[in-house]
N, C-alpha and C. Protein backbone atom coordinates (compact mmCIF):
# COMPACT_ATOMS: atom_id res chain seq x y z
N MET A 1 169.07 87.58 114.12
CA MET A 1 170.41 88.12 114.26
C MET A 1 170.89 88.80 112.99
N GLY A 2 170.12 88.80 111.93
CA GLY A 2 170.51 89.48 110.71
C GLY A 2 171.78 88.89 110.14
N LEU A 3 172.70 89.77 109.74
CA LEU A 3 173.96 89.33 109.16
C LEU A 3 174.94 88.82 110.20
N PHE A 4 174.68 89.11 111.48
CA PHE A 4 175.61 88.74 112.53
C PHE A 4 175.38 87.31 112.98
N MET A 5 176.46 86.65 113.31
CA MET A 5 176.38 85.24 113.68
C MET A 5 176.64 85.01 115.17
N ILE A 6 177.25 85.96 115.85
CA ILE A 6 177.53 85.77 117.28
C ILE A 6 177.21 87.05 118.04
N HIS A 7 177.03 86.90 119.32
CA HIS A 7 176.95 88.04 120.23
C HIS A 7 178.07 87.88 121.25
N GLU A 8 178.54 89.00 121.73
CA GLU A 8 179.51 89.00 122.81
C GLU A 8 178.84 89.67 124.00
N LEU A 9 178.81 88.96 125.11
CA LEU A 9 178.31 89.51 126.36
C LEU A 9 179.50 90.04 127.14
N ARG A 10 179.49 91.34 127.41
CA ARG A 10 180.60 91.97 128.14
C ARG A 10 180.09 92.42 129.49
N GLU A 11 180.83 92.06 130.53
CA GLU A 11 180.46 92.39 131.90
C GLU A 11 181.60 93.17 132.55
N TYR A 12 181.24 94.30 133.14
CA TYR A 12 182.22 95.15 133.81
C TYR A 12 181.84 95.29 135.28
N VAL A 13 182.83 95.25 136.14
CA VAL A 13 182.62 95.53 137.55
C VAL A 13 183.48 96.74 137.88
N ALA A 14 182.83 97.79 138.36
CA ALA A 14 183.55 99.03 138.68
C ALA A 14 184.31 98.89 139.99
N ILE A 15 185.40 99.62 140.08
CA ILE A 15 186.14 99.76 141.34
C ILE A 15 185.17 100.36 142.37
N PRO A 16 185.24 99.93 143.62
CA PRO A 16 184.36 100.54 144.62
C PRO A 16 184.42 102.07 144.56
N ASP A 17 183.26 102.68 144.63
CA ASP A 17 183.09 104.14 144.59
C ASP A 17 183.39 104.77 143.23
N ARG A 18 183.56 103.96 142.18
CA ARG A 18 183.83 104.51 140.84
C ARG A 18 182.72 104.17 139.85
N ALA A 19 181.63 103.54 140.30
CA ALA A 19 180.56 103.11 139.39
C ALA A 19 179.96 104.28 138.64
N GLU A 20 179.68 105.38 139.32
CA GLU A 20 179.05 106.52 138.63
C GLU A 20 180.00 107.13 137.61
N ASP A 21 181.30 107.10 137.88
CA ASP A 21 182.28 107.59 136.89
C ASP A 21 182.28 106.68 135.66
N LEU A 22 182.16 105.39 135.87
CA LEU A 22 182.12 104.45 134.74
C LEU A 22 180.84 104.65 133.93
N HIS A 23 179.70 104.79 134.61
CA HIS A 23 178.44 105.07 133.90
C HIS A 23 178.55 106.36 133.09
N ARG A 24 179.12 107.39 133.69
CA ARG A 24 179.26 108.68 133.01
C ARG A 24 180.14 108.54 131.76
N ARG A 25 181.22 107.75 131.87
CA ARG A 25 182.11 107.56 130.71
C ARG A 25 181.35 106.88 129.56
N PHE A 26 180.57 105.85 129.88
CA PHE A 26 179.77 105.20 128.84
C PHE A 26 178.76 106.20 128.26
N ALA A 27 178.02 106.89 129.13
CA ALA A 27 176.94 107.78 128.69
C ALA A 27 177.46 108.96 127.88
N ASP A 28 178.55 109.56 128.33
CA ASP A 28 179.04 110.79 127.71
C ASP A 28 179.92 110.56 126.49
N ASP A 29 180.63 109.44 126.44
CA ASP A 29 181.64 109.29 125.39
C ASP A 29 181.73 107.90 124.76
N THR A 30 181.78 106.85 125.57
CA THR A 30 182.11 105.52 125.02
C THR A 30 181.06 105.01 124.05
N LEU A 31 179.78 105.15 124.39
CA LEU A 31 178.74 104.65 123.48
C LEU A 31 178.76 105.40 122.15
N THR A 32 179.06 106.69 122.18
CA THR A 32 179.19 107.45 120.94
C THR A 32 180.37 106.95 120.12
N LEU A 33 181.49 106.69 120.78
CA LEU A 33 182.66 106.17 120.09
C LEU A 33 182.36 104.79 119.50
N PHE A 34 181.68 103.94 120.26
CA PHE A 34 181.27 102.64 119.71
C PHE A 34 180.50 102.83 118.41
N ALA A 35 179.53 103.73 118.41
CA ALA A 35 178.70 103.97 117.21
C ALA A 35 179.56 104.47 116.06
N GLU A 36 180.46 105.39 116.34
CA GLU A 36 181.33 105.93 115.28
C GLU A 36 182.21 104.84 114.67
N LEU A 37 182.58 103.85 115.49
CA LEU A 37 183.44 102.77 115.00
C LEU A 37 182.64 101.61 114.42
N GLY A 38 181.30 101.75 114.40
CA GLY A 38 180.45 100.74 113.77
C GLY A 38 180.09 99.56 114.64
N LEU A 39 180.27 99.67 115.95
CA LEU A 39 179.92 98.57 116.84
C LEU A 39 178.41 98.53 117.06
N GLN A 40 177.82 97.37 116.87
CA GLN A 40 176.39 97.19 117.08
C GLN A 40 176.16 96.78 118.53
N VAL A 41 175.58 97.69 119.33
CA VAL A 41 175.23 97.40 120.72
C VAL A 41 173.76 97.00 120.75
N ASP A 42 173.49 95.75 121.13
CA ASP A 42 172.12 95.23 121.11
C ASP A 42 171.41 95.34 122.45
N GLY A 43 172.12 95.68 123.49
CA GLY A 43 171.50 95.87 124.80
C GLY A 43 172.55 96.36 125.78
N PHE A 44 172.08 97.11 126.77
CA PHE A 44 172.99 97.70 127.75
C PHE A 44 172.24 97.80 129.07
N TRP A 45 172.79 97.23 130.14
CA TRP A 45 172.11 97.18 131.43
C TRP A 45 173.09 97.35 132.58
N HIS A 46 172.52 97.60 133.75
CA HIS A 46 173.29 97.40 134.98
C HIS A 46 172.45 96.50 135.87
N GLU A 47 173.12 95.82 136.76
CA GLU A 47 172.44 94.88 137.65
C GLU A 47 171.50 95.64 138.58
N THR A 48 170.31 95.09 138.79
CA THR A 48 169.35 95.70 139.71
C THR A 48 169.98 95.80 141.10
N GLY A 49 169.95 97.02 141.63
CA GLY A 49 170.50 97.23 142.97
C GLY A 49 172.01 97.26 143.05
N ASN A 50 172.69 97.20 141.90
CA ASN A 50 174.15 97.19 141.90
C ASN A 50 174.65 97.89 140.64
N ARG A 51 174.75 99.22 140.69
CA ARG A 51 175.20 99.98 139.53
C ARG A 51 176.67 99.74 139.21
N ALA A 52 177.39 99.07 140.08
CA ALA A 52 178.80 98.78 139.82
C ALA A 52 178.97 97.66 138.79
N ARG A 53 177.91 96.92 138.49
CA ARG A 53 178.01 95.84 137.51
C ARG A 53 177.22 96.22 136.26
N ILE A 54 177.95 96.46 135.18
CA ILE A 54 177.39 96.84 133.88
C ILE A 54 177.55 95.66 132.94
N VAL A 55 176.48 95.38 132.19
CA VAL A 55 176.48 94.27 131.25
C VAL A 55 175.95 94.79 129.92
N TYR A 56 176.63 94.45 128.82
CA TYR A 56 176.09 94.82 127.51
C TYR A 56 176.37 93.75 126.49
N LEU A 57 175.56 93.80 125.43
CA LEU A 57 175.59 92.78 124.39
C LEU A 57 175.92 93.45 123.06
N VAL A 58 176.92 92.94 122.37
CA VAL A 58 177.31 93.47 121.06
C VAL A 58 177.34 92.33 120.05
N ALA A 59 177.22 92.67 118.77
CA ALA A 59 177.13 91.66 117.72
C ALA A 59 178.31 91.77 116.76
N PHE A 60 178.76 90.60 116.30
CA PHE A 60 179.87 90.50 115.34
C PHE A 60 179.59 89.35 114.38
N PRO A 61 180.24 89.38 113.21
CA PRO A 61 180.10 88.24 112.29
C PRO A 61 180.68 86.95 112.87
N ASP A 62 181.78 87.07 113.64
CA ASP A 62 182.42 85.89 114.24
C ASP A 62 183.37 86.36 115.34
N ALA A 63 183.93 85.42 116.07
CA ALA A 63 184.82 85.75 117.19
C ALA A 63 186.07 86.49 116.71
N GLU A 64 186.58 86.12 115.55
CA GLU A 64 187.77 86.78 115.03
C GLU A 64 187.52 88.27 114.78
N ALA A 65 186.33 88.59 114.27
CA ALA A 65 185.97 89.99 114.04
C ALA A 65 185.88 90.74 115.37
N ALA A 66 185.38 90.10 116.38
CA ALA A 66 185.30 90.72 117.71
C ALA A 66 186.68 91.01 118.26
N ILE A 67 187.55 90.03 118.18
CA ILE A 67 188.92 90.20 118.68
C ILE A 67 189.62 91.32 117.93
N ALA A 68 189.45 91.37 116.62
CA ALA A 68 190.06 92.42 115.81
C ALA A 68 189.48 93.79 116.16
N PHE A 69 188.15 93.86 116.37
CA PHE A 69 187.53 95.14 116.73
C PHE A 69 188.11 95.65 118.04
N TRP A 70 188.17 94.80 119.07
CA TRP A 70 188.65 95.28 120.37
C TRP A 70 190.12 95.67 120.32
N ALA A 71 190.91 95.01 119.49
CA ALA A 71 192.31 95.41 119.33
C ALA A 71 192.39 96.81 118.71
N ARG A 72 191.57 97.07 117.67
CA ARG A 72 191.54 98.40 117.06
C ARG A 72 191.03 99.44 118.05
N PHE A 73 190.00 99.09 118.80
CA PHE A 73 189.43 100.01 119.78
C PHE A 73 190.47 100.39 120.83
N GLN A 74 191.17 99.40 121.37
CA GLN A 74 192.17 99.65 122.41
C GLN A 74 193.30 100.55 121.91
N ALA A 75 193.56 100.55 120.61
CA ALA A 75 194.63 101.36 120.03
C ALA A 75 194.14 102.70 119.49
N ASP A 76 192.83 102.91 119.45
CA ASP A 76 192.26 104.13 118.88
C ASP A 76 192.67 105.34 119.73
N PRO A 77 193.23 106.38 119.11
CA PRO A 77 193.69 107.55 119.87
C PRO A 77 192.58 108.23 120.67
N ARG A 78 191.34 108.20 120.14
CA ARG A 78 190.23 108.81 120.88
C ARG A 78 189.96 108.04 122.17
N TRP A 79 190.00 106.70 122.09
CA TRP A 79 189.79 105.89 123.29
C TRP A 79 190.94 106.10 124.27
N LEU A 80 192.15 106.11 123.77
CA LEU A 80 193.31 106.29 124.66
C LEU A 80 193.24 107.62 125.40
N ALA A 81 192.83 108.69 124.70
CA ALA A 81 192.69 110.00 125.34
C ALA A 81 191.55 110.00 126.35
N LEU A 82 190.43 109.38 125.99
CA LEU A 82 189.28 109.30 126.89
C LEU A 82 189.64 108.52 128.15
N LYS A 83 190.28 107.39 127.96
CA LYS A 83 190.67 106.54 129.09
C LYS A 83 191.62 107.31 130.01
N ALA A 84 192.61 107.97 129.43
CA ALA A 84 193.57 108.74 130.24
C ALA A 84 192.86 109.84 131.02
N ARG A 85 191.94 110.54 130.36
CA ARG A 85 191.23 111.64 131.02
C ARG A 85 190.34 111.14 132.15
N THR A 86 189.60 110.05 131.90
CA THR A 86 188.63 109.58 132.89
C THR A 86 189.27 108.73 133.99
N GLU A 87 190.51 108.31 133.78
CA GLU A 87 191.19 107.52 134.80
C GLU A 87 192.36 108.28 135.42
N SER A 88 192.33 109.60 135.31
CA SER A 88 193.42 110.39 135.91
C SER A 88 193.47 110.20 137.42
N GLY A 89 192.33 109.88 138.04
CA GLY A 89 192.29 109.62 139.48
C GLY A 89 192.39 108.15 139.82
N GLY A 90 192.71 107.32 138.84
CA GLY A 90 192.83 105.87 139.05
C GLY A 90 191.85 105.12 138.17
N PRO A 91 192.03 103.82 138.07
CA PRO A 91 191.18 103.00 137.20
C PRO A 91 189.73 103.02 137.64
N LEU A 92 188.84 102.76 136.68
CA LEU A 92 187.40 102.69 136.95
C LEU A 92 186.91 101.25 137.08
N ILE A 93 187.63 100.31 136.49
CA ILE A 93 187.14 98.93 136.34
C ILE A 93 188.04 97.96 137.09
N SER A 94 187.40 97.08 137.88
CA SER A 94 188.17 96.05 138.57
C SER A 94 188.18 94.74 137.80
N GLU A 95 187.14 94.52 136.97
CA GLU A 95 187.04 93.25 136.25
C GLU A 95 186.24 93.42 134.97
N ILE A 96 186.70 92.77 133.90
CA ILE A 96 185.96 92.69 132.64
C ILE A 96 185.89 91.21 132.26
N ARG A 97 184.67 90.77 131.95
CA ARG A 97 184.48 89.41 131.45
C ARG A 97 183.83 89.48 130.08
N SER A 98 184.24 88.59 129.20
CA SER A 98 183.69 88.53 127.85
C SER A 98 183.30 87.09 127.55
N THR A 99 182.08 86.91 127.04
CA THR A 99 181.59 85.59 126.68
C THR A 99 180.98 85.66 125.29
N PHE A 100 181.40 84.78 124.39
CA PHE A 100 180.82 84.72 123.06
C PHE A 100 179.63 83.77 123.08
N LEU A 101 178.52 84.22 122.49
CA LEU A 101 177.28 83.46 122.49
C LEU A 101 176.83 83.22 121.06
N VAL A 102 176.32 82.01 120.80
CA VAL A 102 175.75 81.69 119.49
C VAL A 102 174.36 81.12 119.70
N THR A 103 173.50 81.32 118.73
CA THR A 103 172.16 80.78 118.78
C THR A 103 172.20 79.33 118.31
N PRO A 104 171.66 78.41 119.09
CA PRO A 104 171.64 77.01 118.65
C PRO A 104 170.81 76.86 117.37
N ALA A 105 171.15 75.87 116.58
CA ALA A 105 170.46 75.64 115.31
C ALA A 105 168.97 75.38 115.49
N TYR A 106 168.55 74.86 116.64
CA TYR A 106 167.14 74.54 116.85
C TYR A 106 166.29 75.75 117.20
N VAL A 107 166.90 76.91 117.38
CA VAL A 107 166.17 78.14 117.66
C VAL A 107 166.09 78.94 116.37
N ARG A 108 164.89 79.22 115.92
CA ARG A 108 164.69 79.99 114.69
C ARG A 108 164.22 81.38 115.04
N PRO A 109 164.70 82.39 114.28
CA PRO A 109 164.25 83.77 114.56
C PRO A 109 162.77 83.95 114.30
């Protein structure tokens, strides 16, 4: 895990018929914005046979850093403009779940 001590597993469920719009937003803009803001994305997937469920893993020094990052992200003018543009026809996401994960002491890299 390098300098990072936790991972956050984020799960998104798209509104019915909006999955491809959500994928496009990640592909065209969101992942680039994450990189510009210094977010370490360690994996990105969608469920087999269900593109409406997107799951990704990001790394942070601790839970407080994650909470602070997402607060800054939600207030970032680029994100706000992107969200407004991509959701002009309505929301893309019906559910977001976040789980913080730590490696047990008995597991060595």
